[in-house]
């Protein structure tokens, strides 16, 4: 039962990550390979502030969101002046830089040694100790983010994002500020990505750079693509499917060394199948 709760917590974390990326990539058309970097900024901010300065969760969370958003604001303000393909390369470069800082800034992040001893979350004097309690907290944030994005994407701003994703020139002809809209969407997505980062750090109680690699960015993007661009419910189902899929390999008795490689093969196969057969996402057709 404990392990099932652990898996459900991970599903919730990836739902938040994929939905935050769906805002910028799905609705705004900005494919990013830096999302694990923003996720990592949230996690490391929470870890450093809680371990070194003993700040509570309700203080580390907004700081983590602000720092992740500030990084995204700087990145998007520069990278969005390029065309789509170059934007993707710019985000990949940012991901590499962020990972390198996490891995080599020994005096701050302890590099590959990671940061241990991250305390449990305290809310109004109540410690979130059990997995049941943490699962409830995770799903509360999942629901808040889901309804916030539903409201945002259904607003005039959301319609602007959809319009510029389909035809930027037409959106500009209607007097829409395409550049500003994209910067806002990209920054908001990064700020939301910091939330699961903070939760992950407190849940695992130890973080290191290996959790925030470019592979992680690709995995998050895969969830968005398989779930369907602009499909928030699709991100929920795709995250659950891809997180729980490796557990199915355990039950067939496959050795761990083979299962790890097989998992990547299955992920790649599903992604290729989705791109060729269901351009709007496989989950949206199920």
Foldseek 3Di string as FASTA:
>chain_A
DQVVLVLLLQLLLLLLLLVLVLLQCQLQVAQALQLLLLLQLLQLQLLQCCVVVVDAPVVSLVVSLVVLLVVLLVQLLPLVVDDRVSSHVSRQVVLVVSLCCQQPVCVRQVHQVWRAQRAAHADPNRGQDGSVSLSVVSVVLSVVSLVVVVVCLVDPLVVLSNVCNVPVVVSVVVVDPSSVSSSVSRSSSSSSSSNSSSSVCNVVRTDGSVSRHSVVSVVSVLLDQQLFRVHSVSSSVSSSCLSCVLVVVVVVVDDPVVSVVVSVVVSVVSSVCCVVPPRGHNNVVD
